[in-house]
Amino acid sequence: MASGSKKVIYAALIGNSLVAITKFVAATITGSSAMFSEGVHSVVDTGNQVLLLFGLKQAQKPADDDFPFGYGKEIYFWSFVVAILIFALGAGISIYEGVHHVLHPRPIANPLINYIVLSLAIIFEGGALFFALKEFRHAKGSMGYLEAVHRGKDPALFVVLFEDSAAMTGLVIAFVGIALGQITGMPVFDGIASILIGILLGGTAIWLAIETKGLLIGESANKEVRLGIRGIARQVDAVNHVNEVLTMHMGPDYILVNLSVDMADNLRVGQMEKTIADLDKRIKSEFPEVKRVFVEAEERTVATGQGESTDSGKKAGETG
């Protein structure tokens, strides 16, 4: 998954870098507010891709004494930073530039340059979006797009997908705004397009922030994984009852599991150790993304909610 994420990010990075240069050149020549906003948009996206690559690199650092479960959540942190940057820089500058242009409109010089640049940008962004969409389709499997974004544990994929989708929409808005300004002779449409691009970026940033917040705080594994782990534990002869299954994503491909089970009372210490080791092996074999499993041997409890129980256990064992 990480290699797929990097491919998507590199494709977006190359595309945005090329597009940003051409947009700023066109904005300087023509004085278009919408084109300037699009240039800012591409620069922010380029910086975001650099941050995501840095996050992926940091997430691969091995565990140490200070971070015994590794640095997998680095990618969640940097994805959240990306959302903040889109909102603060992309949306803020675009809306400011648009309002300024609406209050002080000025005609666009050489609009043909804008159309050429926007057309090239649509081609570049379209290629990046196609690549990102292809990787996302592969990752989402049978899930719908919105469901895959909500349940996805690799933010790098859907962050780039959001960025590229917003970029394509922004290009269309800029194209229409510039065209309306030229057709009607009212340059205020150029400023309105810039404001709309800013609102688009703001909405994208808020959505990204919401989706990455849960992962940053400590989101559980998907329901299928939780139910699968519970089912494996129930199949063990020495387990009388599964009290609770607690999971947390420490990274896109790193799940931490805490399993509370009521074991047979007549088990000896050696048998209990063998049972726990066998349970650990079976869970990791069925779900390779599970890296650490902690098993607590407790009395049977009555569940009061998702992963909660009414009683505290008497004895605990763990394996990793």
C-alpha atoms as a PDB file:
ATOM      1  CA  MET A   1       0.000   0.000   0.000  1.00  0.00           C
ATOM      2  CA  ALA A   2       2.808   2.395   0.815  1.00  0.00           C
ATOM      3  CA  SER A   3       4.418   1.907  -2.600  1.00  0.00           C
ATOM      4  CA  GLY A   4       1.082   2.623  -4.287  1.00  0.00           C
ATOM      5  CA  SER A   5       0.706   5.769  -2.203  1.00  0.00           C
ATOM      6  CA  LYS A   6       4.160   6.967  -3.220  1.00  0.00           C
ATOM      7  CA  LYS A   7       3.433   6.438  -6.906  1.00  0.00           C
ATOM      8  CA  VAL A   8       0.275   8.527  -6.630  1.00  0.00           C
ATOM      9  CA  ILE A   9       2.096  11.283  -4.725  1.00  0.00           C
ATOM     10  CA  TYR A  10       5.017  11.407  -7.171  1.00  0.00           C
ATOM     11  CA  ALA A  11       2.638  11.633 -10.127  1.00  0.00           C
ATOM     12  CA  ALA A  12       0.738  14.488  -8.461  1.00  0.00           C
ATOM     13  CA  LEU A  13       3.984  16.233  -7.457  1.00  0.00           C
ATOM     14  CA  ILE A  14       5.341  16.285 -10.999  1.00  0.00           C
ATOM     15  CA  GLY A  15       2.018  17.415 -12.463  1.00  0.00           C
ATOM     16  CA  ASN A  16       1.453  20.191  -9.920  1.00  0.00           C
ATOM     17  CA  SER A  17       4.999  21.522 -10.235  1.00  0.00           C
ATOM     18  CA  LEU A  18       4.665  21.916 -14.003  1.00  0.00           C
ATOM     19  CA  VAL A  19       1.195  23.402 -13.738  1.00  0.00           C
ATOM     20  CA  ALA A  20       2.156  25.900 -10.997  1.00  0.00           C
ATOM     21  CA  ILE A  21       4.920  27.429 -13.127  1.00  0.00           C
ATOM     22  CA  THR A  22       2.706  27.882 -16.185  1.00  0.00           C
ATOM     23  CA  LYS A  23      -0.162  29.331 -14.119  1.00  0.00           C
ATOM     24  CA  PHE A  24       1.987  31.985 -12.468  1.00  0.00           C
ATOM     25  CA  VAL A  25       3.538  32.970 -15.801  1.00  0.00           C
ATOM     26  CA  ALA A  26       0.050  33.354 -17.283  1.00  0.00           C
ATOM     27  CA  ALA A  27      -1.210  35.271 -14.222  1.00  0.00           C
ATOM     28  CA  THR A  28       1.741  37.691 -14.448  1.00  0.00           C
ATOM     29  CA  ILE A  29       1.156  38.344 -18.146  1.00  0.00           C
ATOM     30  CA  THR A  30      -2.640  38.616 -18.079  1.00  0.00           C
ATOM     31  CA  GLY A  31      -3.329  39.919 -14.562  1.00  0.00           C
ATOM     32  CA  SER A  32      -6.043  37.289 -14.009  1.00  0.00           C
ATOM     33  CA  SER A  33      -7.135  36.863 -10.383  1.00  0.00           C
ATOM     34  CA  ALA A  34      -8.548  33.385 -11.022  1.00  0.00           C
ATOM     35  CA  MET A  35      -5.308  32.305 -12.690  1.00  0.00           C
ATOM     36  CA  PHE A  36      -3.287  33.632  -9.741  1.00  0.00           C
ATOM     37  CA  SER A  37      -5.519  31.685  -7.342  1.00  0.00           C
ATOM     38  CA  GLU A  38      -5.002  28.569  -9.416  1.00  0.00           C
ATOM     39  CA  GLY A  39      -1.243  29.142  -9.245  1.00  0.00           C
ATOM     40  CA  VAL A  40      -1.433  29.367  -5.451  1.00  0.00           C
ATOM     41  CA  HIS A  41      -3.588  26.230  -5.476  1.00  0.00           C
ATOM     42  CA  SER A  42      -0.919  24.309  -7.417  1.00  0.00           C
ATOM     43  CA  VAL A  43       1.916  25.560  -5.192  1.00  0.00           C
ATOM     44  CA  VAL A  44       0.019  24.483  -2.062  1.00  0.00           C
ATOM     45  CA  ASP A  45      -0.682  21.084  -3.614  1.00  0.00           C
ATOM     46  CA  THR A  46       3.000  20.687  -4.532  1.00  0.00           C
ATOM     47  CA  GLY A  47       4.041  21.493  -0.960  1.00  0.00           C
ATOM     48  CA  ASN A  48       1.431  19.071   0.326  1.00  0.00           C
ATOM     49  CA  GLN A  49       2.862  16.231  -1.738  1.00  0.00           C
ATOM     50  CA  VAL A  50       6.311  16.940  -0.307  1.00  0.00           C
ATOM     51  CA  LEU A  51       4.839  16.767   3.217  1.00  0.00           C
ATOM     52  CA  LEU A  52       3.065  13.492   2.452  1.00  0.00           C
ATOM     53  CA  LEU A  53       6.291  11.955   1.137  1.00  0.00           C
ATOM     54  CA  PHE A  54       8.055  13.130   4.294  1.00  0.00           C
ATOM     55  CA  GLY A  55       5.263  11.619   6.386  1.00  0.00           C
ATOM     56  CA  LEU A  56       5.560   8.263   4.595  1.00  0.00           C
ATOM     57  CA  LYS A  57       9.316   8.266   5.173  1.00  0.00           C
ATOM     58  CA  GLN A  58       8.930   9.091   8.875  1.00  0.00           C
ATOM     59  CA  ALA A  59       6.247   6.419   9.272  1.00  0.00           C
ATOM     60  CA  GLN A  60       8.721   3.742   8.156  1.00  0.00           C
ATOM     61  CA  LYS A  61      11.131   4.429  11.026  1.00  0.00           C
ATOM     62  CA  PRO A  62      11.559   1.344  13.257  1.00  0.00           C
ATOM     63  CA  ALA A  63      10.133   1.239  16.754  1.00  0.00           C
ATOM     64  CA  ASP A  64      12.327   2.359  19.635  1.00  0.00           C
ATOM     65  CA  ASP A  65      12.110   2.854  23.397  1.00  0.00           C
ATOM     66  CA  ASP A  66      10.280   6.166  23.062  1.00  0.00           C
ATOM     67  CA  PHE A  67       7.825   4.875  20.452  1.00  0.00           C
ATOM     68  CA  PRO A  68       7.514   1.126  21.038  1.00  0.00           C
ATOM     69  CA  PHE A  69       4.718   0.747  18.477  1.00  0.00           C
ATOM     70  CA  GLY A  70       6.621   2.579  15.762  1.00  0.00           C
ATOM     71  CA  TYR A  71       6.053   5.842  13.930  1.00  0.00           C
ATOM     72  CA  GLY A  72       3.175   4.764  11.681  1.00  0.00           C
ATOM     73  CA  LYS A  73       0.951   7.630  12.823  1.00  0.00           C
ATOM     74  CA  GLU A  74       3.374  10.157  11.326  1.00  0.00           C
ATOM     75  CA  ILE A  75       1.494   9.861   8.032  1.00  0.00           C
ATOM     76  CA  TYR A  76      -1.761  10.704   9.835  1.00  0.00           C
ATOM     77  CA  PHE A  77      -0.208  13.792  11.430  1.00  0.00           C
ATOM     78  CA  TRP A  78       1.221  15.117   8.171  1.00  0.00           C
ATOM     79  CA  SER A  79      -2.035  14.416   6.330  1.00  0.00           C
ATOM     80  CA  PHE A  80      -3.796  16.575   8.925  1.00  0.00           C
ATOM     81  CA  VAL A  81      -1.180  19.306   8.423  1.00  0.00           C
ATOM     82  CA  VAL A  82      -1.876  19.131   4.690  1.00  0.00           C
ATOM     83  CA  ALA A  83      -5.574  19.771   5.329  1.00  0.00           C
ATOM     84  CA  ILE A  84      -4.724  22.805   7.477  1.00  0.00           C
ATOM     85  CA  LEU A  85      -2.388  24.194   4.806  1.00  0.00           C
ATOM     86  CA  ILE A  86      -5.022  23.808   2.093  1.00  0.00           C
ATOM     87  CA  PHE A  87      -7.464  25.744   4.250  1.00  0.00           C
ATOM     88  CA  ALA A  88      -5.102  28.431   5.529  1.00  0.00           C
ATOM     89  CA  LEU A  89      -3.019  29.074   2.421  1.00  0.00           C
ATOM     90  CA  GLY A  90      -4.996  27.837  -0.570  1.00  0.00           C
ATOM     91  CA  ALA A  91      -8.474  28.922   0.506  1.00  0.00           C
ATOM     92  CA  GLY A  92      -7.372  32.035   2.379  1.00  0.00           C
ATOM     93  CA  ILE A  93      -5.209  33.532  -0.378  1.00  0.00           C
ATOM     94  CA  SER A  94      -7.700  32.648  -3.130  1.00  0.00           C
ATOM     95  CA  ILE A  95     -10.644  34.258  -1.328  1.00  0.00           C
ATOM     96  CA  TYR A  96      -8.580  37.349  -0.449  1.00  0.00           C
ATOM     97  CA  GLU A  97      -7.391  37.757  -4.032  1.00  0.00           C
ATOM     98  CA  GLY A  98     -10.931  37.222  -5.342  1.00  0.00           C
ATOM     99  CA  VAL A  99     -12.485  39.798  -3.014  1.00  0.00           C
ATOM    100  CA  HIS A 100      -9.770  42.310  -3.923  1.00  0.00           C
ATOM    101  CA  HIS A 101     -10.435  41.763  -7.626  1.00  0.00           C
ATOM    102  CA  VAL A 102     -14.209  42.099  -7.176  1.00  0.00           C
ATOM    103  CA  LEU A 103     -13.765  45.395  -5.335  1.00  0.00           C
ATOM    104  CA  HIS A 104     -11.167  46.635  -7.805  1.00  0.00           C
ATOM    105  CA  PRO A 105     -11.862  44.845 -11.097  1.00  0.00           C
ATOM    106  CA  ARG A 106      -9.488  45.246 -14.008  1.00  0.00           C
ATOM    107  CA  PRO A 107      -9.707  43.767 -17.507  1.00  0.00           C
ATOM    108  CA  ILE A 108      -7.630  40.713 -18.378  1.00  0.00           C
ATOM    109  CA  ALA A 109      -4.882  41.210 -20.930  1.00  0.00           C
ATOM    110  CA  ASN A 110      -4.196  38.520 -23.538  1.00  0.00           C
ATOM    111  CA  PRO A 111      -6.918  36.096 -22.355  1.00  0.00           C
ATOM    112  CA  LEU A 112      -5.807  33.583 -24.983  1.00  0.00           C
ATOM    113  CA  ILE A 113      -2.759  32.806 -22.831  1.00  0.00           C
ATOM    114  CA  ASN A 114      -5.047  31.851 -19.946  1.00  0.00           C
ATOM    115  CA  TYR A 115      -7.040  29.491 -22.131  1.00  0.00           C
ATOM    116  CA  ILE A 116      -3.883  27.793 -23.379  1.00  0.00           C
ATOM    117  CA  VAL A 117      -2.459  27.413 -19.872  1.00  0.00           C
ATOM    118  CA  LEU A 118      -5.747  26.165 -18.420  1.00  0.00           C
ATOM    119  CA  SER A 119      -6.067  23.623 -21.226  1.00  0.00           C
ATOM    120  CA  LEU A 120      -2.551  22.329 -20.569  1.00  0.00           C
ATOM    121  CA  ALA A 121      -3.240  22.289 -16.831  1.00  0.00           C
ATOM    122  CA  ILE A 122      -6.394  20.238 -17.375  1.00  0.00           C
ATOM    123  CA  ILE A 123      -4.323  17.710 -19.329  1.00  0.00           C
ATOM    124  CA  PHE A 124      -1.621  17.507 -16.617  1.00  0.00           C
ATOM    125  CA  GLU A 125      -4.098  17.387 -13.740  1.00  0.00           C
ATOM    126  CA  GLY A 126      -6.279  14.933 -15.608  1.00  0.00           C
ATOM    127  CA  GLY A 127      -3.352  12.533 -15.911  1.00  0.00           C
ATOM    128  CA  ALA A 128      -2.558  12.818 -12.212  1.00  0.00           C
ATOM    129  CA  LEU A 129      -6.235  12.374 -11.290  1.00  0.00           C
ATOM    130  CA  PHE A 130      -6.531   9.306 -13.529  1.00  0.00           C
ATOM    131  CA  PHE A 131      -3.515   7.720 -11.842  1.00  0.00           C
ATOM    132  CA  ALA A 132      -4.796   8.555  -8.344  1.00  0.00           C
ATOM    133  CA  LEU A 133      -8.271   7.251  -9.186  1.00  0.00           C
ATOM    134  CA  LYS A 134      -6.823   4.020 -10.573  1.00  0.00           C
ATOM    135  CA  GLU A 135      -4.848   3.361  -7.373  1.00  0.00           C
ATOM    136  CA  PHE A 136      -7.821   4.299  -5.202  1.00  0.00           C
ATOM    137  CA  ARG A 137     -10.137   1.931  -7.089  1.00  0.00           C
ATOM    138  CA  HIS A 138      -7.642  -0.856  -6.531  1.00  0.00           C
ATOM    139  CA  ALA A 139      -7.422  -0.064  -2.810  1.00  0.00           C
ATOM    140  CA  LYS A 140     -11.152   0.368  -2.154  1.00  0.00           C
ATOM    141  CA  GLY A 141     -12.166  -3.035  -3.516  1.00  0.00           C
ATOM    142  CA  SER A 142     -15.946  -3.504  -3.496  1.00  0.00           C
ATOM    143  CA  MET A 143     -16.647  -0.500  -1.268  1.00  0.00           C
ATOM    144  CA  GLY A 144     -18.228   2.679  -2.607  1.00  0.00           C
ATOM    145  CA  TYR A 145     -16.069   5.795  -2.985  1.00  0.00           C
ATOM    146  CA  LEU A 146     -17.454   7.672   0.026  1.00  0.00           C
ATOM    147  CA  GLU A 147     -17.397   4.527   2.151  1.00  0.00           C
ATOM    148  CA  ALA A 148     -13.807   3.831   1.107  1.00  0.00           C
ATOM    149  CA  VAL A 149     -12.724   7.352   2.062  1.00  0.00           C
ATOM    150  CA  HIS A 150     -14.491   7.105   5.423  1.00  0.00           C
ATOM    151  CA  ARG A 151     -13.132   3.658   6.218  1.00  0.00           C
ATOM    152  CA  GLY A 152      -9.758   4.024   4.500  1.00  0.00           C
ATOM    153  CA  LYS A 153      -6.658   3.805   6.709  1.00  0.00           C
ATOM    154  CA  ASP A 154      -4.129   5.152   4.168  1.00  0.00           C
ATOM    155  CA  PRO A 155      -4.770   8.913   4.030  1.00  0.00           C
ATOM    156  CA  ALA A 156      -2.082   9.510   1.396  1.00  0.00           C
ATOM    157  CA  LEU A 157      -4.318   7.918  -1.243  1.00  0.00           C
ATOM    158  CA  PHE A 158      -7.508   9.850  -0.569  1.00  0.00           C
ATOM    159  CA  VAL A 159      -5.701  13.126   0.216  1.00  0.00           C
ATOM    160  CA  VAL A 160      -4.156  13.149  -3.254  1.00  0.00           C
ATOM    161  CA  LEU A 161      -7.460  12.067  -4.780  1.00  0.00           C
ATOM    162  CA  PHE A 162      -9.243  14.963  -3.030  1.00  0.00           C
ATOM    163  CA  GLU A 163      -6.543  17.412  -4.105  1.00  0.00           C
ATOM    164  CA  ASP A 164      -6.612  16.328  -7.745  1.00  0.00           C
ATOM    165  CA  SER A 165     -10.415  16.378  -7.855  1.00  0.00           C
ATOM    166  CA  ALA A 166     -10.475  19.873  -6.349  1.00  0.00           C
ATOM    167  CA  ALA A 167      -7.771  20.949  -8.810  1.00  0.00           C
ATOM    168  CA  MET A 168      -9.790  19.790 -11.821  1.00  0.00           C
ATOM    169  CA  THR A 169     -12.917  21.507 -10.514  1.00  0.00           C
ATOM    170  CA  GLY A 170     -10.932  24.668  -9.831  1.00  0.00           C
ATOM    171  CA  LEU A 171      -9.598  24.702 -13.380  1.00  0.00           C
ATOM    172  CA  VAL A 172     -13.117  24.493 -14.779  1.00  0.00           C
ATOM    173  CA  ILE A 173     -14.243  27.337 -12.493  1.00  0.00           C
ATOM    174  CA  ALA A 174     -11.276  29.494 -13.581  1.00  0.00           C
ATOM    175  CA  PHE A 175     -11.959  28.742 -17.249  1.00  0.00           C
ATOM    176  CA  VAL A 176     -15.630  29.693 -16.939  1.00  0.00           C
ATOM    177  CA  GLY A 177     -14.861  32.836 -14.905  1.00  0.00           C
ATOM    178  CA  ILE A 178     -12.298  34.112 -17.387  1.00  0.00           C
ATOM    179  CA  ALA A 179     -14.572  33.304 -20.328  1.00  0.00           C
ATOM    180  CA  LEU A 180     -17.567  35.094 -18.767  1.00  0.00           C
ATOM    181  CA  GLY A 181     -15.418  38.113 -18.035  1.00  0.00           C
ATOM    182  CA  GLN A 182     -14.291  38.275 -21.651  1.00  0.00           C
ATOM    183  CA  ILE A 183     -17.736  37.647 -23.164  1.00  0.00           C
ATOM    184  CA  THR A 184     -19.639  40.103 -20.965  1.00  0.00           C
ATOM    185  CA  GLY A 185     -16.875  42.671 -20.615  1.00  0.00           C
ATOM    186  CA  MET A 186     -17.281  42.422 -16.793  1.00  0.00           C
ATOM    187  CA  PRO A 187     -13.904  41.487 -15.231  1.00  0.00           C
ATOM    188  CA  VAL A 188     -15.671  41.004 -11.888  1.00  0.00           C
ATOM    189  CA  PHE A 189     -16.404  37.408 -12.980  1.00  0.00           C
ATOM    190  CA  ASP A 190     -12.669  36.690 -12.738  1.00  0.00           C
ATOM    191  CA  GLY A 191     -12.712  37.717  -9.069  1.00  0.00           C
ATOM    192  CA  ILE A 192     -15.870  35.700  -8.398  1.00  0.00           C
ATOM    193  CA  ALA A 193     -14.153  32.626  -9.883  1.00  0.00           C
ATOM    194  CA  SER A 194     -11.225  33.172  -7.510  1.00  0.00           C
ATOM    195  CA  ILE A 195     -13.611  33.315  -4.530  1.00  0.00           C
ATOM    196  CA  LEU A 196     -15.331  30.128  -5.645  1.00  0.00           C
ATOM    197  CA  ILE A 197     -11.960  28.387  -5.961  1.00  0.00           C
ATOM    198  CA  GLY A 198     -11.178  29.471  -2.393  1.00  0.00           C
ATOM    199  CA  ILE A 199     -14.503  28.122  -1.124  1.00  0.00           C
ATOM    200  CA  LEU A 200     -13.815  24.847  -2.971  1.00  0.00           C
ATOM    201  CA  LEU A 201     -10.411  24.556  -1.306  1.00  0.00           C
ATOM    202  CA  GLY A 202     -11.879  25.393   2.097  1.00  0.00           C
ATOM    203  CA  GLY A 203     -14.526  22.679   1.768  1.00  0.00           C
ATOM    204  CA  THR A 204     -11.921  20.167   0.623  1.00  0.00           C
ATOM    205  CA  ALA A 205      -9.672  21.018   3.568  1.00  0.00           C
ATOM    206  CA  ILE A 206     -12.479  20.639   6.111  1.00  0.00           C
ATOM    207  CA  TRP A 207     -13.474  17.260   4.702  1.00  0.00           C
ATOM    208  CA  LEU A 208      -9.858  16.065   4.756  1.00  0.00           C
ATOM    209  CA  ALA A 209      -9.420  17.269   8.329  1.00  0.00           C
ATOM    210  CA  ILE A 210     -12.526  15.365   9.443  1.00  0.00           C
ATOM    211  CA  GLU A 211     -11.415  12.148   7.727  1.00  0.00           C
ATOM    212  CA  THR A 212      -7.844  12.260   9.090  1.00  0.00           C
ATOM    213  CA  LYS A 213      -8.791  13.319  12.632  1.00  0.00           C
ATOM    214  CA  GLY A 214     -10.112   9.890  13.591  1.00  0.00           C
ATOM    215  CA  LEU A 215      -6.961   8.180  12.324  1.00  0.00           C
ATOM    216  CA  LEU A 216      -4.774  10.645  14.202  1.00  0.00           C
ATOM    217  CA  ILE A 217      -6.656  10.138  17.474  1.00  0.00           C
ATOM    218  CA  GLY A 218      -6.685   6.355  17.212  1.00  0.00           C
ATOM    219  CA  GLU A 219      -9.299   4.780  14.942  1.00  0.00           C
ATOM    220  CA  SER A 220     -10.225   1.118  15.266  1.00  0.00           C
ATOM    221  CA  ALA A 221      -9.801  -1.468  12.541  1.00  0.00           C
ATOM    222  CA  ASN A 222     -12.684  -1.949  10.129  1.00  0.00           C
ATOM    223  CA  LYS A 223     -15.663  -3.980  11.323  1.00  0.00           C
ATOM    224  CA  GLU A 224     -14.768  -6.982   9.173  1.00  0.00           C
ATOM    225  CA  VAL A 225     -11.375  -7.231  10.857  1.00  0.00           C
ATOM    226  CA  ARG A 226     -12.825  -6.907  14.357  1.00  0.00           C
ATOM    227  CA  LEU A 227     -15.459  -9.556  13.683  1.00  0.00           C
ATOM    228  CA  GLY A 228     -12.851 -11.810  12.086  1.00  0.00           C
ATOM    229  CA  ILE A 229     -10.602 -11.620  15.145  1.00  0.00           C
ATOM    230  CA  ARG A 230     -13.556 -12.346  17.420  1.00  0.00           C
ATOM    231  CA  GLY A 231     -14.488 -15.342  15.256  1.00  0.00           C
ATOM    232  CA  ILE A 232     -10.943 -16.759  15.405  1.00  0.00           C
ATOM    233  CA  ALA A 233     -10.902 -16.453  19.192  1.00  0.00           C
ATOM    234  CA  ARG A 234     -14.275 -18.212  19.486  1.00  0.00           C
ATOM    235  CA  GLN A 235     -12.940 -21.184  17.518  1.00  0.00           C
ATOM    236  CA  VAL A 236     -10.229 -21.878  20.109  1.00  0.00           C
ATOM    237  CA  ASP A 237     -11.307 -24.796  22.297  1.00  0.00           C
ATOM    238  CA  ALA A 238      -9.740 -23.386  25.446  1.00  0.00           C
ATOM    239  CA  VAL A 239     -11.675 -20.110  25.113  1.00  0.00           C
ATOM    240  CA  ASN A 240     -15.094 -20.157  26.778  1.00  0.00           C
ATOM    241  CA  HIS A 241     -16.091 -16.614  25.888  1.00  0.00           C
ATOM    242  CA  VAL A 242     -14.711 -13.563  24.082  1.00  0.00           C
ATOM    243  CA  ASN A 243     -15.265 -10.535  26.294  1.00  0.00           C
ATOM    244  CA  GLU A 244     -14.013  -7.715  24.084  1.00  0.00           C
ATOM    245  CA  VAL A 245     -11.897  -6.997  21.018  1.00  0.00           C
ATOM    246  CA  LEU A 246     -10.104  -3.638  21.069  1.00  0.00           C
ATOM    247  CA  THR A 247      -8.175  -2.539  17.980  1.00  0.00           C
ATOM    248  CA  MET A 248      -6.283   0.570  16.931  1.00  0.00           C
ATOM    249  CA  HIS A 249      -4.539   1.569  13.707  1.00  0.00           C
ATOM    250  CA  MET A 250      -0.980   2.649  14.494  1.00  0.00           C
ATOM    251  CA  GLY A 251      -0.454   3.182  10.760  1.00  0.00           C
ATOM    252  CA  PRO A 252      -2.108   2.215   7.456  1.00  0.00           C
ATOM    253  CA  ASP A 253      -0.676  -1.332   7.689  1.00  0.00           C
ATOM    254  CA  TYR A 254      -0.219  -1.653  11.448  1.00  0.00           C
ATOM    255  CA  ILE A 255      -3.073  -2.783  13.716  1.00  0.00           C
ATOM    256  CA  LEU A 256      -2.721  -3.172  17.469  1.00  0.00           C
ATOM    257  CA  VAL A 257      -5.114  -5.723  19.050  1.00  0.00           C
ATOM    258  CA  ASN A 258      -6.100  -6.134  22.678  1.00  0.00           C
ATOM    259  CA  LEU A 259      -8.200  -9.255  23.209  1.00  0.00           C
ATOM    260  CA  SER A 260     -10.009 -10.151  26.436  1.00  0.00           C
ATOM    261  CA  VAL A 261     -11.123 -13.787  26.738  1.00  0.00           C
ATOM    262  CA  ASP A 262     -12.499 -16.099  29.401  1.00  0.00           C
ATOM    263  CA  MET A 263     -10.449 -19.296  29.297  1.00  0.00           C
ATOM    264  CA  ALA A 264     -11.271 -22.710  30.673  1.00  0.00           C
ATOM    265  CA  ASP A 265     -10.685 -22.879  34.428  1.00  0.00           C
ATOM    266  CA  ASN A 266      -8.798 -26.181  34.273  1.00  0.00           C
ATOM    267  CA  LEU A 267      -6.024 -24.870  32.005  1.00  0.00           C
ATOM    268  CA  ARG A 268      -2.489 -25.153  33.286  1.00  0.00           C
ATOM    269  CA  VAL A 269       0.006 -22.315  32.828  1.00  0.00           C
ATOM    270  CA  GLY A 270       1.757 -24.104  29.988  1.00  0.00           C
ATOM    271  CA  GLN A 271      -1.532 -24.796  28.214  1.00  0.00           C
ATOM    272  CA  MET A 272      -2.585 -21.156  28.589  1.00  0.00           C
ATOM    273  CA  GLU A 273       0.711 -19.967  27.116  1.00  0.00           C
ATOM    274  CA  LYS A 274       0.314 -22.335  24.169  1.00  0.00           C
ATOM    275  CA  THR A 275      -3.273 -21.185  23.631  1.00  0.00           C
ATOM    276  CA  ILE A 276      -2.260 -17.515  23.617  1.00  0.00           C
ATOM    277  CA  ALA A 277       0.647 -18.187  21.239  1.00  0.00           C
ATOM    278  CA  ASP A 278      -1.625 -20.158  18.885  1.00  0.00           C
ATOM    279  CA  LEU A 279      -4.259 -17.400  18.980  1.00  0.00           C
ATOM    280  CA  ASP A 280      -1.613 -14.782  18.193  1.00  0.00           C
ATOM    281  CA  LYS A 281      -0.319 -16.809  15.236  1.00  0.00           C
ATOM    282  CA  ARG A 282      -3.770 -17.437  13.759  1.00  0.00           C
ATOM    283  CA  ILE A 283      -4.844 -13.788  13.993  1.00  0.00           C
ATOM    284  CA  LYS A 284      -1.652 -12.525  12.336  1.00  0.00           C
ATOM    285  CA  SER A 285      -1.898 -15.173   9.642  1.00  0.00           C
ATOM    286  CA  GLU A 286      -5.485 -14.218   8.785  1.00  0.00           C
ATOM    287  CA  PHE A 287      -4.833 -10.454   9.046  1.00  0.00           C
ATOM    288  CA  PRO A 288      -1.215  -9.609   8.084  1.00  0.00           C
ATOM    289  CA  GLU A 289      -1.772  -5.950   8.999  1.00  0.00           C
ATOM    290  CA  VAL A 290      -2.086  -7.021  12.663  1.00  0.00           C
ATOM    291  CA  LYS A 291       1.420  -6.593  14.073  1.00  0.00           C
ATOM    292  CA  ARG A 292       0.907  -6.834  17.850  1.00  0.00           C
ATOM    293  CA  VAL A 293      -1.638  -8.881  19.819  1.00  0.00           C
ATOM    294  CA  PHE A 294      -2.210  -8.566  23.565  1.00  0.00           C
ATOM    295  CA  VAL A 295      -4.379 -11.245  25.154  1.00  0.00           C
ATOM    296  CA  GLU A 296      -5.982 -10.771  28.573  1.00  0.00           C
ATOM    297  CA  ALA A 297      -7.314 -13.861  30.379  1.00  0.00           C
ATOM    298  CA  GLU A 298     -10.321 -12.584  32.350  1.00  0.00           C
ATOM    299  CA  GLU A 299     -13.526 -13.841  33.848  1.00  0.00           C
ATOM    300  CA  ARG A 300     -16.556 -13.761  31.583  1.00  0.00           C
ATOM    301  CA  THR A 301     -18.065 -10.279  31.373  1.00  0.00           C
ATOM    302  CA  VAL A 302     -21.246  -8.855  29.890  1.00  0.00           C
ATOM    303  CA  ALA A 303     -20.647  -6.365  27.094  1.00  0.00           C
ATOM    304  CA  THR A 304     -22.227  -2.928  27.551  1.00  0.00           C
ATOM    305  CA  GLY A 305     -21.155  -1.429  24.223  1.00  0.00           C
ATOM    306  CA  GLN A 306     -18.587  -1.616  21.450  1.00  0.00           C
ATOM    307  CA  GLY A 307     -15.468  -3.035  23.084  1.00  0.00           C
ATOM    308  CA  GLU A 308     -16.707  -2.342  26.642  1.00  0.00           C
ATOM    309  CA  SER A 309     -17.512  -4.648  29.538  1.00  0.00           C
ATOM    310  CA  THR A 310     -18.936  -4.355  33.020  1.00  0.00           C
ATOM    311  CA  ASP A 311     -16.300  -6.263  35.001  1.00  0.00           C
ATOM    312  CA  SER A 312     -12.579  -5.980  35.363  1.00  0.00           C
ATOM    313  CA  GLY A 313     -10.417  -9.064  34.870  1.00  0.00           C
ATOM    314  CA  LYS A 314      -8.335 -10.919  37.397  1.00  0.00           C
ATOM    315  CA  LYS A 315      -5.372 -12.041  35.343  1.00  0.00           C
ATOM    316  CA  ALA A 316      -3.726 -10.881  32.130  1.00  0.00           C
ATOM    317  CA  GLY A 317      -1.243 -12.271  29.651  1.00  0.00           C
ATOM    318  CA  GLU A 318       0.156 -10.697  26.489  1.00  0.00           C
ATOM    319  CA  THR A 319       2.028 -11.590  23.351  1.00  0.00           C
ATOM    320  CA  GLY A 320       3.468  -9.572  20.527  1.00  0.00           C
END
